[in-house]
Amino acid sequence: MKSSTQDNVESKIHKVKGEIKEVAGKLSNNPSLEMEGKSEKIEGKVQEKVGQVKKVFGK
């Protein structure tokens, strides 16, 4: 699997995990878990951009 494709797949996984944690944090009134979910979603977005950059440069 190409590195850019790998980054794209991992970014989607991080986004989904982040969304689940964020919703779970809201439902359980756990601000720590909610923030953890938000940060994981951001991590997924960053990784997606890294994959896009790699794709442009052919890596």
Protein backbone atom coordinates (compact mmCIF):
# COMPACT_ATOMS: atom_id res chain seq x y z
CA MET A 1 0.00 0.00 0.00
CA LYS A 2 1.32 3.46 -0.86
CA SER A 3 2.28 5.71 2.00
CA SER A 4 -0.32 8.31 1.02
CA THR A 5 -3.04 5.65 0.92
CA GLN A 6 -1.93 4.36 4.32
CA ASP A 7 -2.19 7.89 5.73
CA ASN A 8 -5.67 8.27 4.24
CA VAL A 9 -6.88 5.02 5.82
CA GLU A 10 -5.36 5.86 9.20
CA SER A 11 -6.86 9.35 9.09
CA LYS A 12 -10.34 7.90 8.60
CA ILE A 13 -9.79 5.53 11.54
CA HIS A 14 -8.69 8.43 13.78
CA LYS A 15 -11.68 10.52 12.74
CA VAL A 16 -14.14 7.72 13.52
CA LYS A 17 -12.51 6.90 16.85
CA GLY A 18 -12.48 10.59 17.71
CA GLU A 19 -16.15 10.99 16.86
CA ILE A 20 -17.05 7.98 19.01
CA LYS A 21 -15.03 9.27 21.97
CA GLU A 22 -16.49 12.75 21.61
CA VAL A 23 -20.08 11.48 21.59
CA ALA A 24 -19.38 9.09 24.45
CA GLY A 25 -17.88 11.96 26.44
CA LYS A 26 -20.94 14.12 25.83
CA LEU A 27 -23.36 11.33 26.75
CA SER A 28 -21.48 10.37 29.90
CA ASN A 29 -20.82 14.01 30.85
CA ASN A 30 -17.07 13.34 30.73
CA PRO A 31 -15.29 16.46 29.40
CA SER A 32 -11.92 14.70 29.40
CA LEU A 33 -13.14 11.97 27.05
CA GLU A 34 -14.90 14.55 24.90
CA MET A 35 -11.68 16.56 24.51
CA GLU A 36 -9.74 13.38 23.77
CA GLY A 37 -12.19 12.66 20.98
CA LYS A 38 -11.88 16.16 19.56
CA SER A 39 -8.09 15.96 19.58
CA GLU A 40 -8.15 12.55 17.88
CA LYS A 41 -10.42 13.94 15.15
CA ILE A 42 -7.94 16.79 14.62
CA GLU A 43 -5.12 14.26 14.47
CA GLY A 44 -7.04 12.45 11.74
CA LYS A 45 -7.47 15.66 9.76
CA VAL A 46 -3.75 16.41 10.02
CA GLN A 47 -2.85 12.90 8.90
CA GLU A 48 -5.24 13.25 5.95
CA LYS A 49 -3.42 16.43 4.87
CA VAL A 50 -0.06 14.65 5.20
CA GLY A 51 -1.35 11.92 2.91
CA GLN A 52 -2.52 14.51 0.39
CA VAL A 53 0.89 16.17 0.40
CA LYS A 54 2.62 12.82 -0.08
CA LYS A 55 0.31 12.05 -2.97
CA VAL A 56 1.22 15.35 -4.66
CA PHE A 57 4.93 14.61 -4.30
CA GLY A 58 4.48 10.98 -5.33
CA LYS A 59 5.63 9.32 -2.11
